[in-house]
Amino acid sequence: MSERSEHARAGTRGELAFYAVIRALLVGLCTVWFRVSARDRHHVPAEGPFILAPVHRSNLDFALVLICTRRRMRYLAKDSLWKGGGFWAKVFTALGGIPVARGSADREALRTCVEVLEAGEPLVMFPEGTRQFGPVIEELFDGPAFVQSRTGVPIVPVGIGGSEAAMPKGAKVIKPKKVSVVVGEPLDAIDADGPKARRAAVHTRTAELHEVLQDLFDQAQQAAGSPNPPS
C-alpha cells in the first residue's frame, strides 16, 4: 500500500475512538472559551461522503469545524507534520490528517481526496487555501469543485466568524472572543459531460461557492459580534 493510499484508508477502531475523545475535548474547550454558537448543522449529511468547505481565518478553524458533526473528518495538512514518522505522525493520521506538499498544486493530494471520498468518508477542504485575513473572501482555489466533479459528492459551505479576532495569523495567545459557525445548504454535484464542459462547470461551481461563503462569513461575523463592513 502506498503512502497516499495509507492515508486515504478508513480509520481503524482505535483511531476512531481516539478521534472521538480528542473531538469531545476540543469541542468542550471551544464551547466554554469562545461561547461558540452553531447554526444550521442539519445541513451536514449524517452519512455518506461530502466536502466541508469552511472560511479560513485562523488555526482555530481546524478545531471549530469539529462542532459541525460528530463524524470523523479528514483534513489536508502540511506534509512536514509527518516527517520522521513516529508518534506524532500516527497522531495526525488518527486525527484524519492527509499530508500535502504546501505551496504546490499537489495532484497526488487531490487524488487522495478522491480516494477518501470514494471510501465514504467526509473531507474538509479550505477553498481559500492557507489562512487569509480581513472581511473579504478573495479568489478561491478550484480544489473542492475539482474533487466534487470527480466524485459527485455535495459541498457543504461553512462560515466561521470571530476566529480571527480570537487568534489571528501570527498570534501566540488565544483570546476568549465570541465565535459563531454557520453551515450553508449543500451544493449538489456538478453535472457535466466531457473534459471541456467539466472544466467550465468547475470554474462556475467555484464562483458559486465564493458567493455563498462570503454570505455565510458575513452572517457568522454578525453573530459573533464582529460584523463585516458593508461591501
Protein backbone atom coordinates (compact mmCIF):
# COMPACT_ATOMS: atom_id res chain seq x y z
CA MET A 1 0.00 0.00 0.00
CA SER A 2 1.43 3.41 -0.99
CA GLU A 3 1.86 6.27 1.48
CA ARG A 4 -1.03 8.15 -0.11
CA SER A 5 -3.30 5.09 -0.08
CA GLU A 6 -2.40 4.50 3.56
CA HIS A 7 -3.66 7.97 4.45
CA ALA A 8 -6.77 7.55 2.30
CA ARG A 9 -7.98 4.43 4.10
CA ALA A 10 -10.84 4.42 6.61
CA GLY A 11 -9.90 4.79 10.26
CA THR A 12 -9.25 1.79 12.47
CA ARG A 13 -11.38 1.22 15.57
CA GLY A 14 -8.60 2.64 17.73
CA GLU A 15 -8.18 5.72 15.53
CA LEU A 16 -11.92 6.39 15.56
CA ALA A 17 -12.03 6.10 19.37
CA PHE A 18 -9.01 8.41 19.71
CA TYR A 19 -10.63 10.92 17.34
CA ALA A 20 -13.89 10.86 19.33
CA VAL A 21 -12.05 11.62 22.58
CA ILE A 22 -10.00 14.45 21.06
CA ARG A 23 -13.08 15.90 19.36
CA ALA A 24 -15.06 15.89 22.62
CA LEU A 25 -12.22 17.68 24.43
CA LEU A 26 -11.76 20.31 21.71
CA VAL A 27 -15.47 20.97 21.29
CA GLY A 28 -15.87 21.31 25.05
CA LEU A 29 -12.96 23.74 25.32
CA CYS A 30 -14.16 25.80 22.37
CA THR A 31 -17.71 25.94 23.71
CA VAL A 32 -16.55 27.28 27.06
CA TRP A 33 -13.70 29.55 25.92
CA PHE A 34 -15.33 31.05 22.81
CA ARG A 35 -19.03 30.73 23.73
CA VAL A 36 -19.48 29.11 20.33
CA SER A 37 -22.84 29.23 18.63
CA ALA A 38 -23.51 26.89 15.72
CA ARG A 39 -26.38 27.35 13.29
CA ASP A 40 -27.96 25.07 10.68
CA ARG A 41 -25.87 22.00 11.44
CA HIS A 42 -28.71 19.94 9.97
CA HIS A 43 -27.24 20.77 6.55
CA VAL A 44 -24.31 18.43 7.28
CA PRO A 45 -25.07 14.92 5.93
CA ALA A 46 -25.47 12.29 8.64
CA GLU A 47 -23.97 9.63 6.39
CA GLY A 48 -22.08 9.27 3.14
CA PRO A 49 -19.17 11.33 1.82
CA PHE A 50 -19.17 15.09 1.40
CA ILE A 51 -16.76 18.02 1.24
CA LEU A 52 -16.91 20.53 4.11
CA ALA A 53 -15.67 23.88 2.77
CA PRO A 54 -15.08 26.45 5.55
CA VAL A 55 -13.81 30.01 5.57
CA HIS A 56 -10.23 30.08 6.88
CA ARG A 57 -9.06 32.96 9.08
CA SER A 58 -7.30 31.21 11.97
CA ASN A 59 -5.59 27.99 13.01
CA LEU A 60 -8.56 27.60 15.36
CA ASP A 61 -10.76 26.80 12.37
CA PHE A 62 -9.50 23.20 12.35
CA ALA A 63 -10.98 22.71 15.82
CA LEU A 64 -14.09 24.80 15.23
CA VAL A 65 -15.31 22.75 12.26
CA LEU A 66 -15.48 19.72 14.58
CA ILE A 67 -18.60 21.32 16.02
CA CYS A 68 -20.41 20.72 12.73
CA THR A 69 -20.54 16.92 13.04
CA ARG A 70 -19.51 14.01 15.26
CA ARG A 71 -18.26 12.11 12.24
CA ARG A 72 -14.52 11.74 11.73
CA MET A 73 -13.45 14.45 9.31
CA ARG A 74 -10.41 14.13 7.04
CA TYR A 75 -8.05 17.09 6.54
CA LEU A 76 -5.31 18.19 4.21
CA ALA A 77 -2.30 19.28 6.28
CA LYS A 78 1.28 20.30 5.51
CA ASP A 79 3.40 17.22 4.94
CA SER A 80 6.15 18.41 7.29
CA LEU A 81 3.97 17.23 10.19
CA TRP A 82 4.63 13.64 9.09
CA LYS A 83 8.37 13.96 8.55
CA GLY A 84 10.34 11.43 10.54
CA GLY A 85 7.29 9.28 11.20
CA GLY A 86 6.97 8.10 14.78
CA PHE A 87 4.40 9.01 17.43
CA TRP A 88 3.18 12.36 16.09
CA ALA A 89 2.80 11.04 12.56
CA LYS A 90 0.47 8.36 13.96
CA VAL A 91 -1.45 11.01 15.94
CA PHE A 92 -2.00 13.23 12.88
CA THR A 93 -3.16 10.22 10.87
CA ALA A 94 -5.55 9.13 13.64
CA LEU A 95 -7.00 12.64 13.68
CA GLY A 96 -7.79 12.36 9.99
CA GLY A 97 -4.83 14.21 8.53
CA ILE A 98 -3.72 13.80 4.91
CA PRO A 99 -0.22 15.14 4.08
CA VAL A 100 0.05 17.65 1.24
CA ALA A 101 3.06 19.49 -0.17
CA ARG A 102 2.47 23.10 0.84
CA GLY A 103 2.70 25.80 -1.79
CA SER A 104 2.17 23.48 -4.73
CA ALA A 105 -0.72 22.11 -6.75
CA ASP A 106 -0.34 18.63 -5.33
CA ARG A 107 -2.14 16.37 -7.78
CA GLU A 108 -1.38 13.37 -5.61
CA ALA A 109 -3.16 15.07 -2.70
CA LEU A 110 -6.21 15.72 -4.88
CA ARG A 111 -6.20 12.09 -5.96
CA THR A 112 -6.05 11.09 -2.30
CA CYS A 113 -9.03 13.36 -1.60
CA VAL A 114 -10.94 11.48 -4.27
CA GLU A 115 -9.93 8.15 -2.70
CA VAL A 116 -11.07 9.33 0.74
CA LEU A 117 -14.48 10.35 -0.56
CA GLU A 118 -14.85 7.17 -2.60
CA ALA A 119 -14.21 5.27 0.65
CA GLY A 120 -17.28 7.01 2.09
CA GLU A 121 -15.53 9.45 4.43
CA PRO A 122 -16.20 13.20 4.76
CA LEU A 123 -13.39 15.62 3.89
CA VAL A 124 -12.51 19.19 4.94
CA MET A 125 -11.09 21.40 2.18
CA PHE A 126 -10.41 25.09 2.79
CA PRO A 127 -11.24 26.75 -0.56
CA GLU A 128 -9.07 29.78 0.28
CA GLY A 129 -6.03 27.52 0.70
CA THR A 130 -3.95 28.94 3.52
CA ARG A 131 -5.20 31.30 6.23
CA GLN A 132 -6.39 34.67 4.98
CA PHE A 133 -7.32 37.85 6.83
CA GLY A 134 -9.95 40.55 6.66
CA PRO A 135 -13.66 40.65 5.80
CA VAL A 136 -13.46 39.79 2.11
CA ILE A 137 -13.33 36.28 0.67
CA GLU A 138 -10.69 36.55 -2.03
CA GLU A 139 -10.30 34.31 -5.08
CA LEU A 140 -10.80 30.64 -4.27
CA PHE A 141 -8.88 27.61 -5.42
CA ASP A 142 -10.72 25.17 -7.69
CA GLY A 143 -9.75 22.20 -5.50
CA PRO A 144 -13.14 21.49 -3.86
CA ALA A 145 -15.05 21.89 -7.12
CA PHE A 146 -12.50 19.75 -8.98
CA VAL A 147 -12.77 16.95 -6.43
CA GLN A 148 -16.56 17.24 -6.50
CA SER A 149 -16.52 16.86 -10.29
CA ARG A 150 -14.62 13.59 -9.89
CA THR A 151 -16.73 12.13 -7.07
CA GLY A 152 -20.23 13.59 -7.31
CA VAL A 153 -20.38 14.39 -3.58
CA PRO A 154 -22.00 17.57 -2.20
CA ILE A 155 -20.00 20.56 -0.99
CA VAL A 156 -21.17 21.94 2.38
CA PRO A 157 -20.02 25.57 2.81
CA VAL A 158 -19.30 26.88 6.31
CA GLY A 159 -18.86 30.42 7.60
CA ILE A 160 -16.75 30.88 10.74
CA GLY A 161 -16.94 34.25 12.46
CA GLY A 162 -14.76 35.55 15.28
CA SER A 163 -11.86 33.11 14.94
CA GLU A 164 -9.54 35.76 13.51
CA ALA A 165 -10.24 38.04 16.47
CA ALA A 166 -9.58 35.14 18.84
CA MET A 167 -6.33 34.04 17.19
CA PRO A 168 -5.16 35.93 14.10
CA LYS A 169 -2.26 34.79 11.96
CA GLY A 170 0.99 35.06 13.92
CA ALA A 171 -0.70 35.27 17.34
CA LYS A 172 0.64 33.20 20.23
CA VAL A 173 -2.20 33.94 22.67
CA ILE A 174 -5.77 32.73 22.20
CA LYS A 175 -8.29 35.37 23.29
CA PRO A 176 -11.73 34.42 24.68
CA LYS A 177 -13.67 36.04 21.84
CA LYS A 178 -17.18 35.08 20.78
CA VAL A 179 -17.17 32.67 17.82
CA SER A 180 -20.01 31.65 15.53
CA VAL A 181 -20.28 28.84 12.99
CA VAL A 182 -22.93 28.97 10.24
CA VAL A 183 -23.47 25.98 7.95
CA GLY A 184 -24.87 26.59 4.48
CA GLU A 185 -27.04 24.41 2.27
CA PRO A 186 -25.12 21.74 0.35
CA LEU A 187 -24.12 22.47 -3.23
CA ASP A 188 -25.12 19.42 -5.23
CA ALA A 189 -22.86 17.52 -7.59
CA ILE A 190 -21.64 19.05 -10.83
CA ASP A 191 -23.40 17.69 -13.91
CA ALA A 192 -21.16 17.97 -16.97
CA ASP A 193 -20.12 15.62 -19.77
CA GLY A 194 -16.66 15.77 -21.30
CA PRO A 195 -13.41 17.43 -20.18
CA LYS A 196 -14.21 20.89 -21.59
CA ALA A 197 -17.68 21.04 -20.05
CA ARG A 198 -16.31 19.70 -16.77
CA ARG A 199 -13.63 22.41 -16.59
CA ALA A 200 -16.24 25.09 -17.22
CA ALA A 201 -18.52 23.58 -14.57
CA VAL A 202 -15.66 23.52 -12.04
CA HIS A 203 -14.99 27.24 -12.55
CA THR A 204 -18.71 28.00 -12.29
CA ARG A 205 -19.04 25.99 -9.09
CA THR A 206 -16.02 27.78 -7.57
CA ALA A 207 -17.65 31.13 -8.34
CA GLU A 208 -20.90 29.95 -6.73
CA LEU A 209 -19.00 28.73 -3.67
CA HIS A 210 -17.24 32.10 -3.40
CA GLU A 211 -20.55 33.95 -3.29
CA VAL A 212 -22.07 31.57 -0.74
CA LEU A 213 -19.01 31.64 1.52
CA GLN A 214 -18.97 35.44 1.59
CA ASP A 215 -22.62 35.46 2.68
CA LEU A 216 -22.05 32.80 5.37
CA PHE A 217 -18.91 34.59 6.59
CA ASP A 218 -20.89 37.84 6.90
CA GLN A 219 -23.62 36.03 8.85
CA ALA A 220 -21.09 34.35 11.15
CA GLN A 221 -19.21 37.58 11.81
CA GLN A 222 -22.50 39.31 12.64
CA ALA A 223 -23.47 36.53 15.05
CA ALA A 224 -20.03 36.70 16.67
CA GLY A 225 -20.43 40.42 17.33
CA SER A 226 -17.77 41.45 14.81
CA PRO A 227 -19.80 42.40 11.72
CA ASN A 228 -18.01 42.82 8.43
CA PRO A 229 -18.28 46.31 6.91
CA PRO A 230 -20.77 46.67 4.03
CA SER A 231 -19.26 45.71 0.68
